[in-house]
Amino acid sequence: MAPTPERAVNERMASGEIPKTLPFVRRETVKVLKAGYPSQERADEGISRTLRDFYRSQFPGDYMSRRQEVEKAVNAATDIYRRNV
């Protein structure tokens, strides 16, 4: 049985795959994982766009200075979705 989005995100944060220090990273990652997508391709696009847009609009300084961490969170989120859906 696949873990819940919350549990999967917690596990990835504990392992360092999702940076714990990004503001609201857990909340936003769980939110994109719970959203409905018509296909895997649309899920990849939606997850990456939504997380990037969140940091770009809400935390532009963090987005610019910590882009690698944002991308790390995006990659982990898309991987969680692929493994659990």
PDB file of N, CA and C in Angstrom:
ATOM      1  N   MET A   1       0.836  -1.177   0.000  1.00  0.00           N
ATOM      2  CA  MET A   1       0.000   0.000   0.000  1.00  0.00           C
ATOM      3  C   MET A   1       0.886   1.247   0.000  1.00  0.00           C
ATOM      4  N   ALA A   2       0.542   2.210  -0.836  1.00  0.00           N
ATOM      5  CA  ALA A   2       1.321   3.443  -0.953  1.00  0.00           C
ATOM      6  C   ALA A   2       1.098   4.334   0.275  1.00  0.00           C
ATOM      7  N   PRO A   3       2.145   5.025   0.693  1.00  0.00           N
ATOM      8  CA  PRO A   3       1.974   5.936   1.832  1.00  0.00           C
ATOM      9  C   PRO A   3       1.103   7.130   1.445  1.00  0.00           C
ATOM     10  N   THR A   4       0.511   7.755   2.445  1.00  0.00           N
ATOM     11  CA  THR A   4      -0.263   8.973   2.191  1.00  0.00           C
ATOM     12  C   THR A   4       0.699  10.064   1.706  1.00  0.00           C
ATOM     13  N   PRO A   5       0.172  11.098   1.038  1.00  0.00           N
ATOM     14  CA  PRO A   5       1.054  12.194   0.630  1.00  0.00           C
ATOM     15  C   PRO A   5       1.812  12.796   1.815  1.00  0.00           C
ATOM     16  N   GLU A   6       1.138  12.946   2.933  1.00  0.00           N
ATOM     17  CA  GLU A   6       1.789  13.512   4.117  1.00  0.00           C
ATOM     18  C   GLU A   6       2.963  12.652   4.570  1.00  0.00           C
ATOM     19  N   ARG A   7       2.725  11.363   4.628  1.00  0.00           N
ATOM     20  CA  ARG A   7       3.793  10.459   5.084  1.00  0.00           C
ATOM     21  C   ARG A   7       4.949  10.424   4.081  1.00  0.00           C
ATOM     22  N   ALA A   8       4.620  10.380   2.795  1.00  0.00           N
ATOM     23  CA  ALA A   8       5.664  10.358   1.771  1.00  0.00           C
ATOM     24  C   ALA A   8       6.518  11.623   1.836  1.00  0.00           C
ATOM     25  N   VAL A   9       5.873  12.766   2.035  1.00  0.00           N
ATOM     26  CA  VAL A   9       6.619  14.027   2.142  1.00  0.00           C
ATOM     27  C   VAL A   9       7.469  14.024   3.410  1.00  0.00           C
ATOM     28  N   ASN A  10       6.917  13.581   4.513  1.00  0.00           N
ATOM     29  CA  ASN A  10       7.691  13.513   5.760  1.00  0.00           C
ATOM     30  C   ASN A  10       8.945  12.652   5.582  1.00  0.00           C
ATOM     31  N   GLU A  11       8.775  11.509   4.913  1.00  0.00           N
ATOM     32  CA  GLU A  11       9.915  10.617   4.694  1.00  0.00           C
ATOM     33  C   GLU A  11      10.987  11.286   3.832  1.00  0.00           C
ATOM     34  N   ARG A  12      10.546  11.977   2.783  1.00  0.00           N
ATOM     35  CA  ARG A  12      11.507  12.645   1.897  1.00  0.00           C
ATOM     36  C   ARG A  12      12.177  13.828   2.594  1.00  0.00           C
ATOM     37  N   MET A  13      11.459  14.493   3.469  1.00  0.00           N
ATOM     38  CA  MET A  13      12.075  15.583   4.230  1.00  0.00           C
ATOM     39  C   MET A  13      13.099  15.012   5.215  1.00  0.00           C
ATOM     40  N   ALA A  14      12.764  13.902   5.846  1.00  0.00           N
ATOM     41  CA  ALA A  14      13.682  13.284   6.803  1.00  0.00           C
ATOM     42  C   ALA A  14      14.966  12.815   6.121  1.00  0.00           C
ATOM     43  N   SER A  15      14.851  12.367   4.872  1.00  0.00           N
ATOM     44  CA  SER A  15      16.030  11.889   4.148  1.00  0.00           C
ATOM     45  C   SER A  15      16.817  13.026   3.495  1.00  0.00           C
ATOM     46  N   GLY A  16      16.252  14.238   3.505  1.00  0.00           N
ATOM     47  CA  GLY A  16      16.936  15.374   2.897  1.00  0.00           C
ATOM     48  C   GLY A  16      16.612  15.587   1.431  1.00  0.00           C
ATOM     49  N   GLU A  17      15.754  14.744   0.871  1.00  0.00           N
ATOM     50  CA  GLU A  17      15.392  14.904  -0.541  1.00  0.00           C
ATOM     51  C   GLU A  17      14.515  16.126  -0.765  1.00  0.00           C
ATOM     52  N   ILE A  18      13.754  16.508   0.247  1.00  0.00           N
ATOM     53  CA  ILE A  18      12.991  17.758   0.220  1.00  0.00           C
ATOM     54  C   ILE A  18      13.600  18.644   1.302  1.00  0.00           C
ATOM     55  N   PRO A  19      14.130  19.805   0.921  1.00  0.00           N
ATOM     56  CA  PRO A  19      14.781  20.684   1.903  1.00  0.00           C
ATOM     57  C   PRO A  19      13.794  21.193   2.964  1.00  0.00           C
ATOM     58  N   LYS A  20      14.085  20.900   4.213  1.00  0.00           N
ATOM     59  CA  LYS A  20      13.220  21.300   5.323  1.00  0.00           C
ATOM     60  C   LYS A  20      13.160  22.805   5.518  1.00  0.00           C
ATOM     61  N   THR A  21      14.175  23.503   5.058  1.00  0.00           N
ATOM     62  CA  THR A  21      14.273  24.934   5.350  1.00  0.00           C
ATOM     63  C   THR A  21      13.520  25.826   4.359  1.00  0.00           C
ATOM     64  N   LEU A  22      12.972  25.258   3.297  1.00  0.00           N
ATOM     65  CA  LEU A  22      12.167  26.073   2.385  1.00  0.00           C
ATOM     66  C   LEU A  22      10.849  26.420   3.079  1.00  0.00           C
ATOM     67  N   PRO A  23      10.435  27.677   3.028  1.00  0.00           N
ATOM     68  CA  PRO A  23       9.181  28.056   3.684  1.00  0.00           C
ATOM     69  C   PRO A  23       7.986  27.288   3.123  1.00  0.00           C
ATOM     70  N   PHE A  24       7.188  26.728   4.005  1.00  0.00           N
ATOM     71  CA  PHE A  24       5.942  26.048   3.660  1.00  0.00           C
ATOM     72  C   PHE A  24       6.108  24.865   2.695  1.00  0.00           C
ATOM     73  N   VAL A  25       7.287  24.297   2.628  1.00  0.00           N
ATOM     74  CA  VAL A  25       7.535  23.238   1.647  1.00  0.00           C
ATOM     75  C   VAL A  25       6.663  22.010   1.898  1.00  0.00           C
ATOM     76  N   ARG A  26       6.444  21.651   3.135  1.00  0.00           N
ATOM     77  CA  ARG A  26       5.616  20.473   3.411  1.00  0.00           C
ATOM     78  C   ARG A  26       4.181  20.721   2.965  1.00  0.00           C
ATOM     79  N   ARG A  27       3.613  21.832   3.393  1.00  0.00           N
ATOM     80  CA  ARG A  27       2.222  22.163   3.054  1.00  0.00           C
ATOM     81  C   ARG A  27       2.011  22.204   1.540  1.00  0.00           C
ATOM     82  N   GLU A  28       2.898  22.901   0.852  1.00  0.00           N
ATOM     83  CA  GLU A  28       2.734  23.072  -0.590  1.00  0.00           C
ATOM     84  C   GLU A  28       2.969  21.777  -1.359  1.00  0.00           C
ATOM     85  N   THR A  29       3.893  20.961  -0.900  1.00  0.00           N
ATOM     86  CA  THR A  29       4.149  19.692  -1.575  1.00  0.00           C
ATOM     87  C   THR A  29       2.982  18.734  -1.383  1.00  0.00           C
ATOM     88  N   VAL A  30       2.460  18.655  -0.177  1.00  0.00           N
ATOM     89  CA  VAL A  30       1.286  17.803   0.064  1.00  0.00           C
ATOM     90  C   VAL A  30       0.115  18.284  -0.794  1.00  0.00           C
ATOM     91  N   LYS A  31      -0.066  19.581  -0.882  1.00  0.00           N
ATOM     92  CA  LYS A  31      -1.170  20.135  -1.672  1.00  0.00           C
ATOM     93  C   LYS A  31      -1.082  19.716  -3.141  1.00  0.00           C
ATOM     94  N   VAL A  32       0.127  19.818  -3.741  1.00  0.00           N
ATOM     95  CA  VAL A  32       0.239  19.443  -5.160  1.00  0.00           C
ATOM     96  C   VAL A  32       0.087  17.942  -5.355  1.00  0.00           C
ATOM     97  N   LEU A  33       0.470  17.160  -4.361  1.00  0.00           N
ATOM     98  CA  LEU A  33       0.327  15.707  -4.473  1.00  0.00           C
ATOM     99  C   LEU A  33      -1.132  15.267  -4.374  1.00  0.00           C
ATOM    100  N   LYS A  34      -1.936  16.034  -3.678  1.00  0.00           N
ATOM    101  CA  LYS A  34      -3.355  15.689  -3.511  1.00  0.00           C
ATOM    102  C   LYS A  34      -4.219  16.196  -4.665  1.00  0.00           C
ATOM    103  N   ALA A  35      -3.687  17.056  -5.492  1.00  0.00           N
ATOM    104  CA  ALA A  35      -4.454  17.582  -6.621  1.00  0.00           C
ATOM    105  C   ALA A  35      -4.694  16.471  -7.638  1.00  0.00           C
ATOM    106  N   GLY A  36      -5.763  16.601  -8.400  1.00  0.00           N
ATOM    107  CA  GLY A  36      -6.074  15.614  -9.427  1.00  0.00           C
ATOM    108  C   GLY A  36      -5.442  15.996 -10.761  1.00  0.00           C
ATOM    109  N   TYR A  37      -4.906  15.022 -11.446  1.00  0.00           N
ATOM    110  CA  TYR A  37      -4.283  15.235 -12.749  1.00  0.00           C
ATOM    111  C   TYR A  37      -4.795  14.160 -13.708  1.00  0.00           C
ATOM    112  N   PRO A  38      -5.058  14.519 -14.972  1.00  0.00           N
ATOM    113  CA  PRO A  38      -5.599  13.545 -15.914  1.00  0.00           C
ATOM    114  C   PRO A  38      -4.584  12.517 -16.416  1.00  0.00           C
ATOM    115  N   SER A  39      -3.294  12.830 -16.287  1.00  0.00           N
ATOM    116  CA  SER A  39      -2.260  11.898 -16.766  1.00  0.00           C
ATOM    117  C   SER A  39      -0.968  12.159 -16.006  1.00  0.00           C
ATOM    118  N   GLN A  40      -0.029  11.235 -16.133  1.00  0.00           N
ATOM    119  CA  GLN A  40       1.275  11.403 -15.490  1.00  0.00           C
ATOM    120  C   GLN A  40       1.991  12.632 -16.039  1.00  0.00           C
ATOM    121  N   GLU A  41       1.895  12.832 -17.327  1.00  0.00           N
ATOM    122  CA  GLU A  41       2.544  13.992 -17.955  1.00  0.00           C
ATOM    123  C   GLU A  41       1.984  15.298 -17.392  1.00  0.00           C
ATOM    124  N   ARG A  42       0.670  15.368 -17.267  1.00  0.00           N
ATOM    125  CA  ARG A  42       0.038  16.574 -16.705  1.00  0.00           C
ATOM    126  C   ARG A  42       0.396  16.739 -15.222  1.00  0.00           C
ATOM    127  N   ALA A  43       0.547  15.621 -14.528  1.00  0.00           N
ATOM    128  CA  ALA A  43       0.948  15.688 -13.116  1.00  0.00           C
ATOM    129  C   ALA A  43       2.342  16.282 -12.999  1.00  0.00           C
ATOM    130  N   ASP A  44       3.270  15.799 -13.818  1.00  0.00           N
ATOM    131  CA  ASP A  44       4.633  16.343 -13.777  1.00  0.00           C
ATOM    132  C   ASP A  44       4.624  17.848 -14.044  1.00  0.00           C
ATOM    133  N   GLU A  45       3.868  18.253 -15.063  1.00  0.00           N
ATOM    134  CA  GLU A  45       3.784  19.678 -15.405  1.00  0.00           C
ATOM    135  C   GLU A  45       3.128  20.474 -14.287  1.00  0.00           C
ATOM    136  N   GLY A  46       2.014  19.965 -13.777  1.00  0.00           N
ATOM    137  CA  GLY A  46       1.281  20.682 -12.738  1.00  0.00           C
ATOM    138  C   GLY A  46       2.055  20.812 -11.441  1.00  0.00           C
ATOM    139  N   ILE A  47       2.689  19.745 -11.027  1.00  0.00           N
ATOM    140  CA  ILE A  47       3.471  19.768  -9.785  1.00  0.00           C
ATOM    141  C   ILE A  47       4.623  20.750  -9.912  1.00  0.00           C
ATOM    142  N   SER A  48       5.379  20.645 -10.980  1.00  0.00           N
ATOM    143  CA  SER A  48       6.542  21.530 -11.125  1.00  0.00           C
ATOM    144  C   SER A  48       6.118  22.982 -11.288  1.00  0.00           C
ATOM    145  N   ARG A  49       5.106  23.244 -12.098  1.00  0.00           N
ATOM    146  CA  ARG A  49       4.658  24.624 -12.298  1.00  0.00           C
ATOM    147  C   ARG A  49       4.124  25.229 -10.991  1.00  0.00           C
ATOM    148  N   THR A  50       3.297  24.464 -10.287  1.00  0.00           N
ATOM    149  CA  THR A  50       2.678  24.983  -9.069  1.00  0.00           C
ATOM    150  C   THR A  50       3.716  25.290  -7.988  1.00  0.00           C
ATOM    151  N   LEU A  51       4.641  24.379  -7.755  1.00  0.00           N
ATOM    152  CA  LEU A  51       5.658  24.640  -6.731  1.00  0.00           C
ATOM    153  C   LEU A  51       6.571  25.801  -7.125  1.00  0.00           C
ATOM    154  N   ARG A  52       7.015  25.819  -8.373  1.00  0.00           N
ATOM    155  CA  ARG A  52       7.871  26.929  -8.819  1.00  0.00           C
ATOM    156  C   ARG A  52       7.134  28.259  -8.728  1.00  0.00           C
ATOM    157  N   ASP A  53       5.884  28.291  -9.186  1.00  0.00           N
ATOM    158  CA  ASP A  53       5.104  29.525  -9.141  1.00  0.00           C
ATOM    159  C   ASP A  53       4.891  30.002  -7.709  1.00  0.00           C
ATOM    160  N   PHE A  54       4.660  29.059  -6.789  1.00  0.00           N
ATOM    161  CA  PHE A  54       4.484  29.435  -5.386  1.00  0.00           C
ATOM    162  C   PHE A  54       5.718  30.165  -4.868  1.00  0.00           C
ATOM    163  N   TYR A  55       6.875  29.581  -5.058  1.00  0.00           N
ATOM    164  CA  TYR A  55       8.095  30.218  -4.543  1.00  0.00           C
ATOM    165  C   TYR A  55       8.459  31.483  -5.308  1.00  0.00           C
ATOM    166  N   ARG A  56       8.218  31.490  -6.599  1.00  0.00           N
ATOM    167  CA  ARG A  56       8.516  32.677  -7.410  1.00  0.00           C
ATOM    168  C   ARG A  56       7.637  33.860  -6.990  1.00  0.00           C
ATOM    169  N   SER A  57       6.362  33.609  -6.687  1.00  0.00           N
ATOM    170  CA  SER A  57       5.448  34.699  -6.344  1.00  0.00           C
ATOM    171  C   SER A  57       5.445  35.062  -4.858  1.00  0.00           C
ATOM    172  N   GLN A  58       5.540  34.061  -3.982  1.00  0.00           N
ATOM    173  CA  GLN A  58       5.454  34.318  -2.552  1.00  0.00           C
ATOM    174  C   GLN A  58       6.799  34.591  -1.884  1.00  0.00           C
ATOM    175  N   PHE A  59       7.846  34.020  -2.421  1.00  0.00           N
ATOM    176  CA  PHE A  59       9.184  34.161  -1.848  1.00  0.00           C
ATOM    177  C   PHE A  59      10.206  34.389  -2.964  1.00  0.00           C
ATOM    178  N   PRO A  60      10.087  35.517  -3.694  1.00  0.00           N
ATOM    179  CA  PRO A  60      10.969  35.729  -4.849  1.00  0.00           C
ATOM    180  C   PRO A  60      12.452  35.726  -4.480  1.00  0.00           C
ATOM    181  N   GLY A  61      12.801  36.254  -3.326  1.00  0.00           N
ATOM    182  CA  GLY A  61      14.202  36.246  -2.907  1.00  0.00           C
ATOM    183  C   GLY A  61      14.708  34.836  -2.694  1.00  0.00           C
ATOM    184  N   ASP A  62      13.906  34.022  -2.008  1.00  0.00           N
ATOM    185  CA  ASP A  62      14.275  32.621  -1.796  1.00  0.00           C
ATOM    186  C   ASP A  62      14.320  31.878  -3.123  1.00  0.00           C
ATOM    187  N   TYR A  63      13.368  32.165  -3.985  1.00  0.00           N
ATOM    188  CA  TYR A  63      13.343  31.459  -5.266  1.00  0.00           C
ATOM    189  C   TYR A  63      14.627  31.711  -6.045  1.00  0.00           C
ATOM    190  N   MET A  64      15.077  32.948  -6.063  1.00  0.00           N
ATOM    191  CA  MET A  64      16.285  33.276  -6.815  1.00  0.00           C
ATOM    192  C   MET A  64      17.543  32.724  -6.135  1.00  0.00           C
ATOM    193  N   SER A  65      17.626  32.871  -4.830  1.00  0.00           N
ATOM    194  CA  SER A  65      18.853  32.469  -4.140  1.00  0.00           C
ATOM    195  C   SER A  65      18.905  30.976  -3.803  1.00  0.00           C
ATOM    196  N   ARG A  66      17.743  30.320  -3.794  1.00  0.00           N
ATOM    197  CA  ARG A  66      17.698  28.912  -3.390  1.00  0.00           C
ATOM    198  C   ARG A  66      17.029  28.048  -4.449  1.00  0.00           C
ATOM    199  N   ARG A  67      17.246  28.415  -5.682  1.00  0.00           N
ATOM    200  CA  ARG A  67      16.575  27.719  -6.774  1.00  0.00           C
ATOM    201  C   ARG A  67      16.891  26.222  -6.800  1.00  0.00           C
ATOM    202  N   GLN A  68      18.112  25.852  -6.472  1.00  0.00           N
ATOM    203  CA  GLN A  68      18.466  24.422  -6.454  1.00  0.00           C
ATOM    204  C   GLN A  68      17.621  23.661  -5.431  1.00  0.00           C
ATOM    205  N   GLU A  69      17.342  24.296  -4.306  1.00  0.00           N
ATOM    206  CA  GLU A  69      16.523  23.647  -3.288  1.00  0.00           C
ATOM    207  C   GLU A  69      15.076  23.518  -3.754  1.00  0.00           C
ATOM    208  N   VAL A  70      14.578  24.554  -4.435  1.00  0.00           N
ATOM    209  CA  VAL A  70      13.226  24.482  -4.985  1.00  0.00           C
ATOM    210  C   VAL A  70      13.153  23.336  -5.999  1.00  0.00           C
ATOM    211  N   GLU A  71      14.150  23.246  -6.859  1.00  0.00           N
ATOM    212  CA  GLU A  71      14.171  22.176  -7.859  1.00  0.00           C
ATOM    213  C   GLU A  71      14.272  20.797  -7.213  1.00  0.00           C
ATOM    214  N   LYS A  72      14.989  20.712  -6.120  1.00  0.00           N
ATOM    215  CA  LYS A  72      15.094  19.455  -5.372  1.00  0.00           C
ATOM    216  C   LYS A  72      13.710  19.045  -4.856  1.00  0.00           C
ATOM    217  N   ALA A  73      12.959  20.009  -4.331  1.00  0.00           N
ATOM    218  CA  ALA A  73      11.605  19.734  -3.848  1.00  0.00           C
ATOM    219  C   ALA A  73      10.693  19.330  -4.999  1.00  0.00           C
ATOM    220  N   VAL A  74      10.809  20.005  -6.132  1.00  0.00           N
ATOM    221  CA  VAL A  74      10.009  19.667  -7.323  1.00  0.00           C
ATOM    222  C   VAL A  74      10.309  18.242  -7.762  1.00  0.00           C
ATOM    223  N   ASN A  75      11.575  17.897  -7.849  1.00  0.00           N
ATOM    224  CA  ASN A  75      11.961  16.546  -8.286  1.00  0.00           C
ATOM    225  C   ASN A  75      11.449  15.476  -7.329  1.00  0.00           C
ATOM    226  N   ALA A  76      11.555  15.739  -6.046  1.00  0.00           N
ATOM    227  CA  ALA A  76      11.072  14.766  -5.059  1.00  0.00           C
ATOM    228  C   ALA A  76       9.550  14.627  -5.147  1.00  0.00           C
ATOM    229  N   ALA A  77       8.852  15.735  -5.322  1.00  0.00           N
ATOM    230  CA  ALA A  77       7.385  15.691  -5.405  1.00  0.00           C
ATOM    231  C   ALA A  77       6.928  14.914  -6.635  1.00  0.00           C
ATOM    232  N   THR A  78       7.546  15.151  -7.770  1.00  0.00           N
ATOM    233  CA  THR A  78       7.143  14.411  -8.970  1.00  0.00           C
ATOM    234  C   THR A  78       7.466  12.922  -8.820  1.00  0.00           C
ATOM    235  N   ASP A  79       8.561  12.615  -8.157  1.00  0.00           N
ATOM    236  CA  ASP A  79       8.913  11.214  -7.921  1.00  0.00           C
ATOM    237  C   ASP A  79       7.904  10.547  -6.987  1.00  0.00           C
ATOM    238  N   ILE A  80       7.506  11.231  -5.944  1.00  0.00           N
ATOM    239  CA  ILE A  80       6.493  10.689  -5.027  1.00  0.00           C
ATOM    240  C   ILE A  80       5.213  10.391  -5.805  1.00  0.00           C
ATOM    241  N   TYR A  81       4.792  11.330  -6.620  1.00  0.00           N
ATOM    242  CA  TYR A  81       3.558  11.137  -7.375  1.00  0.00           C
ATOM    243  C   TYR A  81       3.667   9.927  -8.301  1.00  0.00           C
ATOM    244  N   ARG A  82       4.770   9.834  -9.017  1.00  0.00           N
ATOM    245  CA  ARG A  82       4.961   8.698  -9.944  1.00  0.00           C
ATOM    246  C   ARG A  82       4.927   7.355  -9.221  1.00  0.00           C
ATOM    247  N   ARG A  83       5.485   7.301  -8.032  1.00  0.00           N
ATOM    248  CA  ARG A  83       5.555   6.037  -7.303  1.00  0.00           C
ATOM    249  C   ARG A  83       4.241   5.655  -6.627  1.00  0.00           C
ATOM    250  N   ASN A  84       3.399   6.653  -6.347  1.00  0.00           N
ATOM    251  CA  ASN A  84       2.222   6.389  -5.536  1.00  0.00           C
ATOM    252  C   ASN A  84       0.898   6.476  -6.277  1.00  0.00           C
ATOM    253  N   VAL A  85       0.929   6.866  -7.525  1.00  0.00           N
ATOM    254  CA  VAL A  85      -0.345   6.996  -8.258  1.00  0.00           C
ATOM    255  C   VAL A  85      -0.359   6.041  -9.429  1.00  0.00           C
TER     256      VAL A  85
END
